[in-house]
C-alpha atoms as a PDB file:
ATOM      1  CA  MET A   1      -0.081  -0.029  -0.047  1.00  0.00           C
ATOM      2  CA  VAL A   2       3.075   2.407   0.489  1.00  0.00           C
ATOM      3  CA  ARG A   3       4.503   1.939  -2.738  1.00  0.00           C
ATOM      4  CA  CYS A   4       1.166   2.324  -4.205  1.00  0.00           C
ATOM      5  CA  ALA A   5       0.141   5.641  -2.040  1.00  0.00           C
ATOM      6  CA  LEU A   6       3.620   7.174  -2.635  1.00  0.00           C
ATOM      7  CA  GLY A   7       2.803   6.533  -6.661  1.00  0.00           C
ATOM      8  CA  GLU A   8      -0.158   8.229  -6.225  1.00  0.00           C
ATOM      9  CA  LEU A   9       1.794  11.404  -4.582  1.00  0.00           C
ATOM     10  CA  ALA A  10       4.308  11.364  -7.709  1.00  0.00           C
ATOM     11  CA  VAL A  11       1.471  11.519 -10.448  1.00  0.00           C
ATOM     12  CA  ARG A  12       0.095  13.876  -8.514  1.00  0.00           C
ATOM     13  CA  TRP A  13       3.212  16.020  -8.034  1.00  0.00           C
ATOM     14  CA  PRO A  14       2.822  19.235  -9.891  1.00  0.00           C
ATOM     15  CA  ASP A  15      -0.591  19.768  -8.199  1.00  0.00           C
ATOM     16  CA  ILE A  16       1.176  19.758  -5.127  1.00  0.00           C
ATOM     17  CA  VAL A  17       3.909  21.999  -5.277  1.00  0.00           C
ATOM     18  CA  SER A  18       1.664  24.603  -7.110  1.00  0.00           C
ATOM     19  CA  HIS A  19      -0.808  24.162  -4.249  1.00  0.00           C
ATOM     20  CA  SER A  20      -0.592  27.251  -1.533  1.00  0.00           C
ATOM     21  CA  ASN A  21       0.046  24.865   1.355  1.00  0.00           C
ATOM     22  CA  PRO A  22       1.806  21.965  -0.267  1.00  0.00           C
ATOM     23  CA  VAL A  23       2.075  19.811   2.906  1.00  0.00           C
ATOM     24  CA  ALA A  24      -1.393  20.034   3.509  1.00  0.00           C
ATOM     25  CA  ARG A  25      -2.417  19.120  -0.388  1.00  0.00           C
ATOM     26  CA  ALA A  26      -0.273  15.871  -0.079  1.00  0.00           C
ATOM     27  CA  ARG A  27      -1.379  14.972   3.273  1.00  0.00           C
ATOM     28  CA  THR A  28      -5.546  15.136   1.731  1.00  0.00           C
ATOM     29  CA  LEU A  29      -3.992  13.195  -0.941  1.00  0.00           C
ATOM     30  CA  LEU A  30      -2.370  10.903   1.049  1.00  0.00           C
ATOM     31  CA  SER A  31      -5.250  10.791   3.335  1.00  0.00           C
ATOM     32  CA  ALA A  32      -8.036  10.245   0.773  1.00  0.00           C
ATOM     33  CA  TYR A  33      -5.958   7.451  -1.021  1.00  0.00           C
ATOM     34  CA  ILE A  34      -5.449   5.707   2.591  1.00  0.00           C
ATOM     35  CA  ARG A  35      -9.091   5.578   3.235  1.00  0.00           C
ATOM     36  CA  THR A  36     -10.016   4.417  -0.016  1.00  0.00           C
ATOM     37  CA  GLN A  37      -7.864   1.297   0.262  1.00  0.00           C
ATOM     38  CA  ARG A  38      -8.188   0.642   4.264  1.00  0.00           C
ATOM     39  CA  PRO A  39     -12.197   1.295   5.524  1.00  0.00           C
ATOM     40  CA  VAL A  40     -12.504   3.668   8.431  1.00  0.00           C
ATOM     41  CA  PRO A  41     -13.721   1.535  11.646  1.00  0.00           C
ATOM     42  CA  PRO A  42     -16.866   3.504  13.632  1.00  0.00           C
ATOM     43  CA  PRO A  43     -17.172   5.786  15.247  1.00  0.00           C
ATOM     44  CA  LEU A  44     -14.153   6.953  13.276  1.00  0.00           C
ATOM     45  CA  SER A  45     -15.868   6.728  10.087  1.00  0.00           C
ATOM     46  CA  ASP A  46     -17.909   9.807  11.137  1.00  0.00           C
ATOM     47  CA  CYS A  47     -15.417  11.914  11.775  1.00  0.00           C
ATOM     48  CA  PRO A  48     -14.123  14.504   8.784  1.00  0.00           C
ATOM     49  CA  PRO A  49     -11.396  13.557   7.229  1.00  0.00           C
ATOM     50  CA  LEU A  50      -8.979  16.422   8.612  1.00  0.00           C
ATOM     51  CA  GLN A  51     -10.255  15.066  12.190  1.00  0.00           C
ATOM     52  CA  TYR A  52      -9.541  11.568  11.411  1.00  0.00           C
ATOM     53  CA  ASP A  53      -5.914  12.439  10.969  1.00  0.00           C
ATOM     54  CA  ALA A  54      -5.582  14.586  13.734  1.00  0.00           C
ATOM     55  CA  LEU A  55      -7.093  11.936  15.897  1.00  0.00           C
ATOM     56  CA  VAL A  56      -4.711   9.011  14.482  1.00  0.00           C
ATOM     57  CA  LEU A  57      -1.326  11.410  14.654  1.00  0.00           C
ATOM     58  CA  ASN A  58      -2.366  12.268  17.920  1.00  0.00           C
ATOM     59  CA  CYS A  59      -4.112   9.821  20.111  1.00  0.00           C
ATOM     60  CA  LEU A  60      -2.467   6.463  18.516  1.00  0.00           C
ATOM     61  CA  LEU A  61       1.041   8.142  17.321  1.00  0.00           C
ATOM     62  CA  ASP A  62       1.115  10.083  20.499  1.00  0.00           C
ATOM     63  CA  CYS A  63       2.119  13.149  18.404  1.00  0.00           C
ATOM     64  CA  SER A  64       2.071  16.571  19.693  1.00  0.00           C
ATOM     65  CA  SER A  65      -0.186  18.929  18.522  1.00  0.00           C
ATOM     66  CA  THR A  66       2.665  21.110  17.030  1.00  0.00           C
ATOM     67  CA  ALA A  67       4.363  17.771  15.546  1.00  0.00           C
ATOM     68  CA  ALA A  68       1.330  16.697  14.035  1.00  0.00           C
ATOM     69  CA  ALA A  69       0.550  20.246  12.864  1.00  0.00           C
ATOM     70  CA  GLU A  70       3.546  19.964  10.870  1.00  0.00           C
ATOM     71  CA  VAL A  71       2.569  17.082   9.536  1.00  0.00           C
ATOM     72  CA  MET A  72      -0.867  18.422   8.479  1.00  0.00           C
ATOM     73  CA  GLY A  73       0.465  21.280   7.117  1.00  0.00           C
ATOM     74  CA  GLN A  74      -1.999  23.066   9.541  1.00  0.00           C
ATOM     75  CA  ASP A  75      -1.756  25.671  12.748  1.00  0.00           C
ATOM     76  CA  PRO A  76      -1.100  23.760  16.309  1.00  0.00           C
ATOM     77  CA  SER A  77      -4.379  25.303  17.536  1.00  0.00           C
ATOM     78  CA  LYS A  78      -6.338  23.627  14.947  1.00  0.00           C
ATOM     79  CA  ILE A  79      -4.953  20.210  15.750  1.00  0.00           C
ATOM     80  CA  ARG A  80      -6.047  20.738  19.568  1.00  0.00           C
ATOM     81  CA  TYR A  81      -9.505  21.989  18.847  1.00  0.00           C
ATOM     82  CA  LEU A  82     -10.044  18.777  15.941  1.00  0.00           C
ATOM     83  CA  VAL A  83      -8.848  16.432  19.099  1.00  0.00           C
ATOM     84  CA  CYS A  84     -10.556  18.044  21.566  1.00  0.00           C
ATOM     85  CA  SER A  85     -13.743  18.394  20.056  1.00  0.00           C
ATOM     86  CA  ALA A  86     -14.080  14.859  18.722  1.00  0.00           C
ATOM     87  CA  PRO A  87     -16.551  12.424  20.453  1.00  0.00           C
ATOM     88  CA  SER A  88     -14.389  10.638  23.479  1.00  0.00           C
ATOM     89  CA  GLN A  89     -15.880   7.582  21.054  1.00  0.00           C
ATOM     90  CA  SER A  90     -13.663   8.563  18.300  1.00  0.00           C
ATOM     91  CA  ARG A  91     -10.561   9.293  20.664  1.00  0.00           C
ATOM     92  CA  THR A  92     -10.846   5.845  22.013  1.00  0.00           C
ATOM     93  CA  ALA A  93     -11.188   4.470  18.650  1.00  0.00           C
ATOM     94  CA  ALA A  94      -8.285   5.584  17.588  1.00  0.00           C
ATOM     95  CA  ARG A  95      -5.888   4.688  20.276  1.00  0.00           C
ATOM     96  CA  ARG A  96      -7.597   0.982  19.692  1.00  0.00           C
ATOM     97  CA  LEU A  97      -6.457   1.480  15.886  1.00  0.00           C
ATOM     98  CA  ARG A  98      -3.807  -1.310  14.651  1.00  0.00           C
ATOM     99  CA  PRO A  99      -2.112  -1.475  11.147  1.00  0.00           C
ATOM    100  CA  SER A 100      -3.789  -4.791   9.605  1.00  0.00           C
ATOM    101  CA  ARG A 101      -1.329  -7.239   8.616  1.00  0.00           C
END
């Protein structure tokens, strides 16, 4: 899946680098690709894609708001808001995610 995801980014590279926020654009494309390859479990499936990514980075991977913001091309305050405003069931579900094998 990683090789295919990177291939998707390579194909769309001109779109990414011409975007006003290339990091955010690349993350959006990558996130969309991964969501099509692996279904998102409930209650995370109710979260908007940006909130889902913030929850995974913060709750599962234990990234700080600042680190998650850098990866996502967002402001740290937006990441904090996305995580704090998510239902507690979504935060718990994000902590329980494990890679499929």
